[in-house]
Protein backbone atom coordinates (compact mmCIF):
# COMPACT_ATOMS: atom_id res chain seq x y z
CA MET A 1 -13.45 24.81 23.60
CA ASP A 2 -13.62 21.80 25.93
CA VAL A 3 -10.75 20.54 28.08
CA LEU A 4 -11.75 17.00 28.98
CA HIS A 5 -10.27 14.57 31.50
CA GLU A 6 -10.74 11.09 30.08
CA THR A 7 -8.67 8.03 29.32
CA GLU A 8 -8.32 7.62 25.55
CA LYS A 9 -5.96 5.80 23.19
CA ALA A 10 -3.65 6.74 20.32
CA ILE A 11 -1.35 4.54 18.22
CA LEU A 12 0.92 5.87 15.48
CA THR A 13 2.13 2.87 13.48
CA GLY A 14 3.54 4.31 10.25
CA HIS A 15 7.30 3.96 9.85
CA ALA A 16 7.79 7.69 9.16
CA TRP A 17 6.61 8.82 12.62
CA ARG A 18 9.88 7.47 14.07
CA ASN A 19 13.29 6.46 12.69
CA ASP A 20 13.52 3.14 14.53
CA GLY A 21 10.37 1.53 13.14
CA LYS A 22 8.62 1.31 16.51
CA TRP A 23 5.02 2.29 17.14
CA ILE A 24 4.10 5.27 19.28
CA LEU A 25 1.51 4.19 21.84
CA ALA A 26 -0.37 6.36 24.34
CA GLU A 27 -3.19 4.91 26.45
CA ARG A 28 -3.48 7.78 28.88
CA LEU A 29 -4.25 11.09 27.22
CA HIS A 30 -5.03 13.85 29.71
CA PRO A 31 -6.37 16.37 29.29
CA ILE A 32 -8.03 16.24 25.86
CA ILE A 33 -8.24 19.58 24.11
CA GLN A 34 -10.99 19.85 21.53
CA ALA A 35 -13.02 22.42 19.62
CA ARG A 36 -16.74 21.76 19.21
CA GLN A 37 -17.27 24.77 16.96
CA ALA A 38 -15.16 26.44 14.31
CA SER A 39 -14.90 29.54 16.50
CA GLU A 40 -13.12 27.45 19.15
CA VAL A 41 -10.34 26.21 16.85
CA LEU A 42 -7.88 29.10 17.32
CA PRO A 43 -8.28 29.21 21.14
CA ALA A 44 -7.78 25.43 21.19
CA ILE A 45 -4.54 25.76 19.19
CA GLU A 46 -3.31 28.33 21.72
CA GLU A 47 -4.19 25.93 24.56
CA LEU A 48 -2.37 23.18 22.70
CA THR A 49 0.72 25.37 22.33
CA VAL A 50 0.79 26.04 26.08
CA ALA A 51 0.54 22.31 26.84
CA ILE A 52 3.47 21.55 24.52
CA GLN A 53 5.59 24.29 26.07
CA LYS A 54 5.11 22.58 29.45
CA GLY A 55 7.00 19.51 28.17
CA ASN A 56 4.08 17.39 26.98
CA THR A 57 3.49 15.56 23.71
CA ALA A 58 0.18 15.86 21.83
CA ILE A 59 -1.48 13.53 19.34
CA GLY A 60 -4.63 14.46 17.45
CA PHE A 61 -6.13 16.10 14.38
CA LEU A 62 -7.81 19.03 12.72
CA ALA A 63 -10.93 18.17 10.72
CA TYR A 64 -11.17 19.56 7.20
CA GLU A 65 -13.96 21.90 8.36
CA ALA A 66 -11.56 23.49 10.88
CA ALA A 67 -10.52 25.57 7.86
CA ALA A 68 -13.51 27.80 8.68
CA ALA A 69 -11.40 29.21 11.53
CA PHE A 70 -8.98 30.51 8.89
CA GLY A 71 -11.69 32.13 6.77
CA LEU A 72 -12.10 29.37 4.19
CA PRO A 73 -15.46 28.13 2.84
CA VAL A 74 -16.57 24.71 4.14
CA HIS A 75 -19.79 23.04 5.30
CA SER A 76 -21.21 24.85 8.31
CA SER A 77 -21.67 21.75 10.48
CA LEU A 78 -19.94 18.46 11.27
CA TYR A 79 -21.19 15.03 12.31
CA PRO A 80 -22.93 14.84 15.72
CA GLU A 81 -20.43 14.68 18.61
CA PHE A 82 -17.45 15.01 16.25
CA PRO A 83 -14.98 17.85 16.98
CA TYR A 84 -13.33 20.33 14.63
CA LEU A 85 -10.08 19.82 16.54
CA TRP A 86 -9.06 17.05 18.95
CA PHE A 87 -5.72 16.52 20.70
CA GLY A 88 -4.76 14.29 23.57
CA ILE A 89 -2.03 15.66 25.84
CA ILE A 90 0.50 13.04 26.90
CA ALA A 91 3.01 13.23 29.71
CA GLU A 92 6.47 11.81 29.00
CA HIS A 93 5.96 8.75 31.22
CA ASP A 94 2.69 7.89 29.41
CA LEU A 95 4.30 7.78 25.95
CA HIS A 96 5.49 4.30 24.93
CA PHE A 97 7.40 2.91 21.95
CA VAL A 98 6.57 -0.69 21.10
CA ALA A 99 7.86 -3.07 18.46
CA LYS A 100 5.36 -4.11 15.82
CA ASN A 101 5.56 -7.80 16.62
CA GLU A 102 4.84 -7.19 20.31
CA TYR A 103 1.26 -6.16 19.53
CA GLU A 104 -1.37 -8.86 19.07
CA PHE A 105 -4.68 -8.49 17.27
CA THR A 106 -7.31 -10.62 15.60
CA PRO A 107 -7.56 -10.31 11.79
CA CYS A 108 -11.02 -9.46 10.49
CA ARG A 109 -12.82 -9.29 7.15
CA LEU A 110 -14.71 -6.25 5.89
CA PRO A 111 -18.10 -6.59 4.18
CA PRO A 112 -18.48 -5.13 0.67
CA ILE A 113 -19.06 -1.39 0.46
CA GLN A 114 -20.42 0.96 -2.18
CA PHE A 115 -19.68 4.56 -3.08
CA SER A 116 -22.29 7.20 -2.23
CA LEU A 117 -22.44 8.21 -5.91
CA SER A 118 -23.33 5.95 -8.79
CA GLN A 119 -20.86 5.96 -11.66
CA ASP A 120 -23.32 8.03 -13.73
CA ALA A 121 -23.76 10.62 -10.95
CA TYR A 122 -20.00 10.76 -10.46
CA GLN A 123 -19.42 11.31 -14.18
CA GLN A 124 -22.01 14.11 -14.26
CA THR A 125 -20.23 15.86 -11.39
CA ILE A 126 -16.88 15.56 -13.17
CA GLU A 127 -18.44 17.21 -16.23
CA THR A 128 -19.74 20.04 -14.02
CA ILE A 129 -16.21 20.57 -12.70
CA ARG A 130 -14.78 20.60 -16.23
CA GLN A 131 -17.33 23.28 -17.17
CA LYS A 132 -16.17 25.41 -14.23
CA ILE A 133 -12.56 24.94 -15.31
CA ALA A 134 -13.51 25.98 -18.86
CA ALA A 135 -15.21 29.09 -17.43
CA GLY A 136 -11.99 30.05 -15.62
CA GLU A 137 -13.40 29.62 -12.10
CA THR A 138 -10.77 27.06 -11.10
CA TYR A 139 -7.77 25.19 -12.48
CA GLN A 140 -8.13 21.99 -10.51
CA VAL A 141 -10.71 20.60 -8.06
CA ASN A 142 -10.05 17.78 -5.62
CA PHE A 143 -13.49 16.17 -5.67
CA THR A 144 -14.33 13.43 -3.16
CA GLN A 145 -17.22 11.12 -2.43
CA ARG A 146 -18.27 9.08 0.60
CA ALA A 147 -18.99 5.48 1.44
CA ASP A 148 -20.86 4.39 4.58
CA PHE A 149 -20.95 0.85 5.93
CA GLU A 150 -21.66 -1.04 9.13
CA PHE A 151 -19.01 -3.22 10.73
CA GLY A 152 -19.28 -4.69 14.20
CA GLU A 153 -15.74 -5.96 14.79
CA SER A 154 -13.15 -4.21 16.97
CA PRO A 155 -12.13 -0.92 15.29
CA GLU A 156 -8.58 -1.40 16.54
CA ASP A 157 -8.37 -4.88 15.02
CA PHE A 158 -9.85 -3.49 11.81
CA PHE A 159 -7.17 -0.79 11.74
CA HIS A 160 -4.32 -3.26 12.29
CA CYS A 161 -5.81 -5.52 9.62
CA MET A 162 -5.63 -2.69 7.08
CA GLU A 163 -2.25 -1.49 8.33
CA LEU A 164 -0.72 -4.93 7.93
CA SER A 165 -2.15 -5.24 4.41
CA GLN A 166 -1.14 -1.71 3.37
CA PRO A 167 1.90 -0.46 5.32
CA VAL A 168 2.16 3.31 4.86
CA PRO A 169 4.40 5.99 6.42
CA TYR A 170 1.73 7.90 8.36
CA SER A 171 -0.84 5.37 9.60
CA ALA A 172 -2.52 6.12 12.94
CA PHE A 173 -5.42 5.01 15.14
CA LEU A 174 -7.26 7.27 17.58
CA ASN A 175 -10.01 6.08 19.91
CA ALA A 176 -12.13 8.54 21.87
CA GLY A 177 -14.63 6.01 23.17
CA THR A 178 -17.74 7.17 21.31
CA TRP A 179 -15.82 7.49 18.04
CA SER A 180 -12.58 6.37 16.40
CA VAL A 181 -10.37 7.54 13.57
CA LEU A 182 -8.48 5.02 11.42
CA SER A 183 -5.93 6.68 9.14
CA LEU A 184 -3.92 4.83 6.49
CA SER A 185 -2.30 7.90 4.99
CA PRO A 186 0.88 7.79 2.91
CA GLU A 187 1.07 11.58 2.53
CA LEU A 188 3.12 14.06 4.57
CA PHE A 189 1.34 17.37 5.10
CA LEU A 190 3.79 19.17 7.39
CA ARG A 191 7.01 18.24 9.17
CA LYS A 192 8.85 20.72 11.37
CA ARG A 193 12.39 20.19 12.61
CA GLY A 194 13.74 23.30 14.30
CA ASN A 195 12.90 26.10 11.86
CA LEU A 196 12.83 23.80 8.81
CA LEU A 197 9.31 23.20 7.48
CA GLU A 198 8.67 20.47 4.90
CA SER A 199 5.70 19.22 2.90
CA ARG A 200 5.45 16.40 0.37
CA PRO A 201 2.28 16.86 -1.70
CA MET A 202 1.06 13.71 -3.40
CA LYS A 203 -0.67 13.78 -6.78
CA GLY A 204 -0.75 10.99 -9.34
CA THR A 205 -1.75 7.37 -8.70
CA ALA A 206 -1.18 4.10 -10.56
CA LYS A 207 -1.66 0.47 -9.62
CA ARG A 208 1.35 -1.75 -8.93
CA GLY A 209 2.52 -4.36 -11.37
CA ARG A 210 2.42 -8.05 -10.52
CA PHE A 211 6.11 -8.75 -11.15
CA PRO A 212 9.25 -6.59 -11.37
CA SER A 213 9.31 -5.79 -15.10
CA GLU A 214 5.60 -4.93 -15.18
CA ASP A 215 6.08 -2.93 -11.97
CA ARG A 216 8.88 -0.84 -13.51
CA LYS A 217 6.83 -0.23 -16.67
CA LEU A 218 3.82 1.11 -14.73
CA ALA A 219 6.04 3.28 -12.51
CA GLU A 220 7.70 4.83 -15.57
CA GLU A 221 4.33 5.47 -17.20
CA LEU A 222 3.16 7.31 -14.09
CA LYS A 223 6.37 9.31 -13.80
CA HIS A 224 6.12 10.58 -17.38
CA ASN A 225 2.34 11.06 -17.48
CA GLU A 226 1.80 14.70 -18.48
CA LYS A 227 -1.59 14.98 -16.79
CA ASN A 228 -0.20 13.75 -13.47
CA GLN A 229 2.89 15.95 -13.77
CA SER A 230 0.71 18.99 -14.45
CA GLU A 231 -1.50 18.23 -11.46
CA ASN A 232 1.49 17.58 -9.21
CA LEU A 233 3.26 20.79 -10.25
CA MET A 234 0.14 22.89 -9.72
CA ILE A 235 -0.24 21.64 -6.14
CA LEU A 236 3.49 22.06 -5.49
CA ASP A 237 3.29 25.71 -6.56
CA MET A 238 0.37 26.25 -4.17
CA MET A 239 2.39 24.81 -1.28
CA ARG A 240 5.33 27.04 -2.20
CA ASN A 241 3.04 30.06 -2.08
CA ASP A 242 1.62 28.94 1.28
CA PHE A 243 5.13 28.45 2.68
CA GLY A 244 6.09 31.90 1.40
CA LYS A 245 3.66 33.48 3.88
CA ILE A 246 5.51 32.10 6.92
CA CYS A 247 9.06 31.32 5.71
CA ARG A 248 12.10 33.53 5.28
CA PHE A 249 12.33 35.24 1.90
CA GLY A 250 14.24 33.12 -0.61
CA SER A 251 14.32 30.01 1.60
CA VAL A 252 11.43 28.12 -0.01
CA ILE A 253 12.69 25.52 -2.49
CA ALA A 254 11.18 22.57 -4.35
CA SER A 255 13.02 19.28 -4.79
CA ASP A 256 12.50 15.63 -5.75
CA LEU A 257 10.02 16.59 -8.46
CA PHE A 258 7.74 13.77 -9.66
CA LYS A 259 9.26 11.17 -7.35
CA ILE A 260 7.46 7.82 -7.49
CA GLU A 261 6.72 6.28 -4.09
CA ARG A 262 5.82 2.61 -3.97
CA TYR A 263 3.22 1.01 -1.71
CA ARG A 264 1.78 -2.49 -1.47
CA THR A 265 -0.87 -2.06 -4.18
CA LEU A 266 -0.15 1.29 -5.85
CA PHE A 267 2.35 3.96 -6.86
CA GLN A 268 2.05 7.62 -5.85
CA MET A 269 3.78 10.63 -7.39
CA THR A 270 5.18 13.18 -4.92
CA SER A 271 7.27 16.33 -4.91
CA THR A 272 8.84 18.09 -1.91
CA VAL A 273 8.86 21.70 -0.74
CA ARG A 274 10.99 23.04 2.14
CA GLY A 275 11.44 26.41 3.75
CA GLN A 276 13.01 28.10 6.79
CA LEU A 277 10.30 29.41 9.11
CA ILE A 278 10.44 33.01 10.25
CA ALA A 279 11.63 32.93 13.86
CA ASP A 280 8.92 32.43 16.51
CA THR A 281 6.15 31.70 13.99
CA PRO A 282 3.27 30.36 16.12
CA LEU A 283 1.49 27.09 15.37
CA SER A 284 -1.74 28.96 14.61
CA ALA A 285 0.01 31.00 11.90
CA ILE A 286 1.51 27.86 10.33
CA PHE A 287 -1.93 26.29 10.05
CA ALA A 288 -3.53 29.55 8.88
CA ALA A 289 -1.04 29.69 5.98
CA THR A 290 -1.15 26.05 4.92
CA PHE A 291 -4.34 24.31 6.09
CA PRO A 292 -5.99 22.42 4.54
CA ALA A 293 -3.38 20.81 2.32
CA ALA A 294 -3.40 22.02 -1.28
CA SER A 295 -3.40 18.43 -2.55
CA ILE A 296 -6.94 17.86 -1.23
CA THR A 297 -8.45 21.22 -2.25
CA GLY A 298 -7.28 22.50 -5.63
CA ALA A 299 -6.30 25.79 -7.22
CA PRO A 300 -7.02 28.55 -6.46
CA LYS A 301 -7.73 27.39 -2.92
CA HIS A 302 -10.53 29.74 -1.78
CA ARG A 303 -12.74 29.56 -4.89
CA THR A 304 -12.11 25.85 -5.32
CA MET A 305 -13.15 25.15 -1.73
CA GLN A 306 -16.41 26.97 -2.49
CA ILE A 307 -16.96 24.64 -5.43
CA ILE A 308 -16.14 21.62 -3.25
CA ARG A 309 -18.62 22.78 -0.60
CA ASP A 310 -21.36 23.10 -3.23
CA LEU A 311 -20.69 19.79 -5.01
CA GLU A 312 -19.98 17.55 -2.01
CA LYS A 313 -23.25 17.05 -0.15
CA SER A 314 -21.75 16.14 3.23
CA PRO A 315 -18.83 17.39 5.36
CA ARG A 316 -15.48 15.64 5.05
CA GLY A 317 -14.76 15.57 8.78
CA VAL A 318 -11.33 14.23 9.68
CA TYR A 319 -10.98 12.95 6.10
CA CYS A 320 -8.76 15.44 4.22
CA GLY A 321 -7.88 17.15 7.49
CA ALA A 322 -4.52 16.65 9.22
CA LEU A 323 -3.58 14.09 11.88
CA GLY A 324 -0.29 14.09 13.72
CA ILE A 325 1.97 14.48 16.71
CA LEU A 326 3.56 17.54 18.35
CA TYR A 327 6.70 17.19 20.47
CA PRO A 328 7.80 19.17 23.54
CA ASN A 329 10.60 20.89 21.58
CA GLY A 330 8.10 22.35 19.11
CA ASP A 331 8.74 19.89 16.29
CA PHE A 332 5.79 18.11 14.71
CA ASP A 333 4.61 15.72 12.00
CA PHE A 334 1.18 15.81 10.34
CA ASN A 335 -0.23 13.62 7.63
CA VAL A 336 -2.83 14.58 5.07
CA ALA A 337 -5.74 12.50 6.36
CA ILE A 338 -6.53 10.70 3.11
CA ARG A 339 -7.52 7.01 3.23
CA THR A 340 -8.94 7.83 6.61
CA LEU A 341 -12.11 6.44 8.19
CA TYR A 342 -14.36 7.81 10.92
CA ARG A 343 -16.30 5.39 13.17
CA GLN A 344 -19.21 6.08 15.49
CA GLN A 345 -20.59 2.99 17.21
CA ASN A 346 -20.56 0.40 14.36
CA GLN A 347 -21.08 2.92 11.57
CA TYR A 348 -18.09 3.83 9.39
CA ARG A 349 -17.61 6.61 6.89
CA LEU A 350 -14.71 7.04 4.51
CA GLY A 351 -13.96 9.35 1.63
CA ILE A 352 -12.17 8.73 -1.65
CA GLY A 353 -11.29 11.34 -4.24
CA GLY A 354 -8.83 12.83 -6.66
CA GLY A 355 -7.79 15.96 -8.47
CA ILE A 356 -9.87 16.89 -11.52
CA LEU A 357 -8.28 18.89 -14.36
CA TRP A 358 -9.66 19.98 -17.72
CA ASP A 359 -8.13 16.93 -19.43
CA SER A 360 -9.43 14.51 -16.78
CA THR A 361 -11.84 11.84 -17.98
CA SER A 362 -14.65 10.69 -15.71
CA THR A 363 -14.00 7.03 -16.50
CA GLU A 364 -10.29 7.22 -15.59
CA GLU A 365 -11.04 9.18 -12.41
CA TYR A 366 -13.65 6.64 -11.34
CA GLU A 367 -11.17 3.82 -12.00
CA GLU A 368 -8.58 5.68 -9.91
CA ASN A 369 -11.09 5.81 -7.05
CA LEU A 370 -11.50 2.05 -7.30
CA THR A 371 -7.71 1.65 -7.13
CA LYS A 372 -7.40 3.93 -4.12
CA ILE A 373 -10.09 2.14 -2.11
CA GLN A 374 -8.27 -1.20 -2.28
CA PHE A 375 -6.59 -0.43 1.04
CA ILE A 376 -9.86 -1.16 2.83
CA HIS A 377 -10.54 -4.52 1.15
CA SER A 378 -7.12 -6.13 1.40
CA THR A 379 -6.80 -9.15 3.64
CA PRO A 380 -3.50 -9.22 5.53
CA VAL A 381 -1.16 -11.98 4.44
CA GLN A 382 1.93 -12.80 6.45
CA PHE A 383 4.45 -14.63 4.33
CA ALA A 384 8.13 -15.20 3.68
CA LEU A 385 10.11 -15.36 0.44
CA LEU A 386 11.59 -18.70 -0.60
CA GLU A 387 14.35 -20.13 -2.72
CA THR A 388 15.04 -23.86 -3.03
CA LEU A 389 18.50 -24.67 -4.37
CA LEU A 390 20.04 -27.97 -5.40
CA LEU A 391 23.27 -28.64 -3.49
CA ASP A 392 25.15 -31.23 -5.55
CA GLU A 393 27.50 -33.98 -4.37
CA HIS A 394 30.49 -31.67 -4.85
CA GLY A 395 29.12 -29.05 -2.45
CA HIS A 396 28.10 -26.59 -5.18
CA TYR A 397 24.71 -24.91 -5.59
CA ARG A 398 23.19 -25.26 -9.04
CA PHE A 399 22.08 -21.94 -10.61
CA PHE A 400 23.32 -20.14 -7.49
CA VAL A 401 23.44 -16.63 -8.97
CA ASP A 402 20.06 -17.03 -10.69
CA HIS A 403 18.38 -17.96 -7.40
CA LEU A 404 19.95 -15.01 -5.60
CA ASP A 405 18.93 -12.63 -8.38
CA ARG A 406 15.32 -13.79 -8.22
CA LEU A 407 15.22 -13.56 -4.43
CA GLU A 408 16.65 -10.05 -4.58
CA MET A 409 14.05 -8.95 -7.15
CA SER A 410 11.19 -10.31 -5.05
CA ALA A 411 12.60 -8.72 -1.90
CA ASP A 412 12.72 -5.39 -3.70
CA TYR A 413 9.15 -5.83 -4.97
CA TRP A 414 7.73 -6.64 -1.52
CA ASN A 415 10.05 -4.24 0.31
CA PHE A 416 11.77 -6.96 2.36
CA PRO A 417 15.22 -6.05 3.70
CA ILE A 418 17.88 -8.27 2.17
CA ASP A 419 21.65 -8.62 2.57
CA ARG A 420 22.99 -10.57 -0.41
CA SER A 421 26.50 -10.89 1.02
CA LYS A 422 25.14 -12.32 4.26
CA ILE A 423 22.96 -14.80 2.37
CA ILE A 424 25.94 -16.00 0.32
CA CYS A 425 28.01 -16.44 3.47
CA LEU A 426 25.27 -18.38 5.30
CA LEU A 427 24.57 -20.65 2.33
CA GLN A 428 28.26 -21.41 1.87
CA GLN A 429 28.59 -22.26 5.56
CA TYR A 430 25.53 -24.50 5.30
CA ALA A 431 26.98 -26.26 2.24
CA ARG A 432 30.15 -27.12 4.18
CA ARG A 433 28.07 -28.86 6.86
CA GLN A 434 25.77 -30.86 4.56
CA ALA A 435 26.47 -33.73 2.22
CA GLY A 436 24.86 -33.41 -1.19
CA PRO A 437 22.85 -33.95 -3.17
CA CYS A 438 20.05 -32.29 -1.23
CA ALA A 439 17.50 -29.50 -1.65
CA VAL A 440 18.42 -26.46 0.47
CA ARG A 441 15.52 -24.16 1.34
CA LEU A 442 16.19 -20.51 2.18
CA GLN A 443 13.36 -18.55 3.80
CA LEU A 444 13.53 -14.73 4.08
CA SER A 445 11.03 -13.03 6.39
CA GLU A 446 9.57 -9.51 6.26
CA ASN A 447 12.04 -8.28 8.88
CA GLY A 448 15.06 -9.69 7.03
CA GLU A 449 15.54 -12.79 9.18
CA MET A 450 16.64 -15.97 7.40
CA VAL A 451 16.00 -19.66 8.03
CA ILE A 452 17.88 -22.38 6.12
CA THR A 453 16.79 -26.03 6.08
CA HIS A 454 17.27 -28.99 3.75
CA ARG A 455 15.57 -32.16 2.56
CA SER A 456 16.39 -35.04 0.29
CA VAL A 457 15.93 -34.57 -3.44
CA THR A 458 12.78 -36.06 -4.96
CA ILE A 459 13.78 -37.81 -8.18
CA PRO A 460 10.77 -38.19 -10.48
CA PRO A 461 10.33 -41.31 -12.62
CA PRO A 462 11.22 -40.88 -16.30
CA THR A 463 7.54 -40.40 -17.14
CA VAL A 464 4.81 -39.04 -14.88
CA ARG A 465 1.04 -38.60 -14.64
CA VAL A 466 -0.43 -35.09 -14.30
CA ILE A 467 -3.95 -33.86 -13.54
CA VAL A 468 -5.44 -30.42 -14.24
CA SER A 469 -6.97 -28.70 -11.21
CA ASP A 470 -10.60 -27.56 -11.35
CA LYS A 471 -9.78 -24.67 -8.98
CA PRO A 472 -9.07 -21.60 -11.18
CA ILE A 473 -6.35 -19.11 -10.28
CA ASP A 474 -6.55 -15.34 -10.70
CA SER A 475 -3.74 -13.99 -12.87
CA ALA A 476 -4.08 -10.60 -11.12
CA ASN A 477 -2.75 -12.16 -7.90
CA PRO A 478 0.85 -10.91 -7.47
CA PHE A 479 1.80 -13.88 -5.29
CA LEU A 480 1.69 -16.15 -8.34
CA PHE A 481 4.78 -14.41 -9.73
CA HIS A 482 6.97 -14.79 -6.62
CA LYS A 483 8.17 -17.83 -4.70
CA THR A 484 6.66 -17.40 -1.22
CA THR A 485 5.15 -19.34 1.66
CA ASN A 486 1.71 -18.04 0.63
CA ARG A 487 0.78 -21.09 -1.45
CA LYS A 488 -1.93 -22.96 0.47
CA MET A 489 -4.06 -23.78 -2.58
CA TYR A 490 -1.05 -25.06 -4.52
CA ASP A 491 -0.01 -27.31 -1.62
CA ARG A 492 -3.57 -28.55 -1.08
CA GLU A 493 -4.09 -29.39 -4.76
CA ARG A 494 -0.71 -31.15 -4.93
CA ARG A 495 -1.57 -33.32 -1.91
CA THR A 496 -4.85 -34.30 -3.58
CA ALA A 497 -2.98 -35.15 -6.78
CA LEU A 498 -0.41 -37.28 -4.94
CA ASP A 499 -3.18 -39.11 -3.07
CA ASN A 500 -4.59 -40.09 -6.46
CA ASP A 501 -1.25 -41.30 -7.86
CA PHE A 502 -0.51 -38.19 -9.90
CA PHE A 503 2.95 -36.66 -9.68
CA GLU A 504 1.88 -33.08 -10.43
CA VAL A 505 -1.16 -30.85 -10.85
CA PHE A 506 -1.58 -28.08 -13.45
CA PHE A 507 -3.50 -24.86 -12.84
CA VAL A 508 -5.74 -22.84 -15.16
CA ASN A 509 -6.35 -19.10 -14.89
CA GLU A 510 -9.63 -17.17 -15.14
CA LYS A 511 -9.28 -16.97 -18.94
CA GLY A 512 -8.95 -20.73 -19.38
CA HIS A 513 -5.18 -20.67 -19.97
CA VAL A 514 -3.01 -23.37 -18.41
CA THR A 515 -0.25 -21.71 -16.37
CA GLU A 516 2.04 -24.00 -14.36
CA GLY A 517 2.30 -26.92 -11.98
CA SER A 518 2.34 -26.71 -8.20
CA ILE A 519 6.15 -27.13 -8.13
CA THR A 520 7.07 -27.09 -11.82
CA ASN A 521 6.83 -25.19 -15.08
CA PHE A 522 5.81 -27.03 -18.25
CA PHE A 523 6.62 -27.01 -21.97
CA TYR A 524 4.97 -28.77 -24.87
CA ARG A 525 6.31 -29.62 -28.32
CA LEU A 526 4.32 -29.46 -31.54
CA ARG A 527 6.37 -30.89 -34.39
CA HIS A 528 9.76 -29.16 -34.06
CA GLU A 529 8.66 -26.19 -31.97
CA TRP A 530 8.41 -25.83 -28.18
CA PHE A 531 5.88 -23.64 -26.35
CA THR A 532 5.37 -22.47 -22.76
CA PRO A 533 2.94 -19.98 -21.16
CA PRO A 534 4.02 -16.34 -20.69
CA ILE A 535 4.46 -15.23 -17.09
CA GLU A 536 1.68 -12.65 -17.62
CA ASP A 537 -0.81 -15.55 -17.51
CA GLY A 538 -0.03 -16.02 -13.80
CA LEU A 539 3.02 -18.15 -13.07
CA LEU A 540 6.44 -18.22 -11.48
CA ASN A 541 9.36 -17.57 -13.81
CA GLY A 542 11.19 -20.68 -12.66
CA ILE A 543 14.97 -20.96 -12.90
CA TRP A 544 14.74 -24.20 -14.91
CA ARG A 545 12.09 -22.56 -17.11
CA GLN A 546 14.50 -19.74 -17.98
CA GLN A 547 17.23 -22.23 -18.88
CA PHE A 548 14.97 -24.51 -20.94
CA ILE A 549 13.59 -21.58 -22.96
CA LYS A 550 17.15 -20.83 -24.07
CA GLU A 551 18.01 -24.49 -24.64
CA VAL A 552 15.11 -25.30 -26.98
CA ARG A 553 14.36 -21.72 -28.12
CA ALA A 554 10.81 -22.04 -26.86
CA ARG A 555 8.11 -19.54 -27.75
CA GLU A 556 5.83 -18.04 -25.10
CA ARG A 557 2.10 -18.00 -25.76
CA SER A 558 -1.15 -18.57 -23.88
CA ILE A 559 -2.11 -22.24 -23.91
CA GLU A 560 -5.49 -23.94 -23.53
CA LYS A 561 -6.02 -27.47 -22.24
CA GLN A 562 -7.00 -28.87 -25.63
CA GLU A 563 -3.61 -27.92 -27.08
CA LEU A 564 -1.81 -29.99 -24.45
CA MET A 565 -3.93 -33.04 -25.23
CA THR A 566 -2.75 -32.97 -28.87
CA SER A 567 0.91 -32.14 -28.26
CA ASP A 568 3.74 -34.34 -29.53
CA GLU A 569 5.66 -34.06 -26.26
CA LEU A 570 4.91 -32.58 -22.84
CA VAL A 571 7.53 -32.04 -20.12
CA ILE A 572 7.72 -30.51 -16.65
CA GLY A 573 10.68 -29.45 -14.55
CA ASN A 574 12.25 -27.30 -11.89
CA SER A 575 15.80 -26.41 -10.90
CA VAL A 576 16.04 -29.11 -8.21
CA MET A 577 14.48 -32.20 -9.80
CA GLY A 578 15.36 -31.43 -13.41
CA LYS A 579 13.08 -32.57 -16.26
CA ALA A 580 10.40 -35.26 -16.47
CA GLN A 581 8.22 -36.34 -19.38
CA ILE A 582 4.44 -36.54 -19.02
CA HIS A 583 2.89 -39.72 -20.36
CA GLN A 584 -0.65 -39.08 -19.09
CA LEU A 585 -2.54 -35.79 -18.69
CA THR A 586 -6.11 -35.84 -17.42
CA THR A 587 -8.63 -33.09 -16.80
CA GLU A 588 -11.03 -35.25 -14.78
CA SER A 589 -11.50 -34.47 -11.10
CA HIS A 590 -10.50 -37.18 -8.61
CA ARG A 591 -12.06 -35.63 -5.51
């Protein structure tokens, strides 16, 4: 065991570390307690306990291979210079709490990465696991693979880039100079408050929908998926058994079964287990009973960890370990270090995995890995939600309730705080100060702040010219389905259209289907029937669009450019300008 005296850095950014949403920042960690060998882990935990009892705070981690100290089978060695246990000790005056917007960083882009296993090799390993399940050696195996890549940008900027793209409850950054740990974990391993111990194992993953109705459908499918429920329940039972070793008899209970937690790009299924610790249970005993988390091993734990050691050709390191903070009063919070990267110089390593059951399919598991790794590729986008309402000459907002409903749905989707009553009050006050008609623009930011402005209403001529953009859109982009400030391409293409005497520009998705205009929806008539694209093709469900569908009983279907050229009538509109007829549609570029 080494007790070092160095200046290091730790930042805990996830919203679950504190109740007030502030980051925990420590730039002076002294001393640093670490274990270089598995045999040093228990003495290091005792040293850590003494430091906490002296009124200090500690931030750090246990690597997955620290489980060797508790008699569990893991790889016999770790990466060079990487410890089995590492904690920085922080005096009260060196612990700071900073607001998110007070911290500046430079966004960065990550180069493409590849998994360590080909899809064929991965599928072969999954079949090996299924054979072991069939033989009765294990019930479930949490199998993981690695990905290595080189990236020369600041690791702290890289972390904040990912954290902004994928806000999670237990994100953290640790820098020890020669190496760094970047954790984007959503999963709670252990939380202790007084004698109450809590864990929230996470099993079951599904991608998010692009718009509210699709989002709800995918969440319900995950919640009622029997395979995911079975996997979740198995891990929950393991945690209950682990808690039973250190908690008072009869105090261990499970709750919130199969709860669906929502993140920026995916859903996760969780359940919760709580128990009352036996008085004076030491930290070492808590870890001995529970570490590593059942959700990243499998069942039964000992035999399954043997299988993991044999099938995974490299150590996991901090990935699948536990990272967290211990407080002077003995309370603590630890995440399960999934979605966690290790950096040494400019070399990064991350792990991605999932629980394999008998009814798992290698194709679905591989696809789930691809979903889980999206956190590392996402580019941070800072944006606000928008609604533009027509304030008429009588001081009334047209389609007022519809606009508020849509804003509320988007705020819920993106997890923006929103106060509908306050918005109504502010808009009514604004209407009393402005003479209509005008277009009132409401902007809602990520922190719930609102900005209201207005402009004159643009009245289109009775007939207009429209051009089709040659820049395709991606219908998988969720921003297409919400009215936001993240619309640079739409604004750029509209400016180009206006410069060439076109009133509007239409967009086409990756499948060749025409979707919408930059500020309008469109309909076309063929004989006596009206048609408009479905929102699934990648478009905003405009307020005027909703009204016009009812008015003319329009049918929704995917539409190609050729159909528009042969239509009997083609119109565009939005809730502010109303409707305009198109007299010329061209697909030629005017760049």
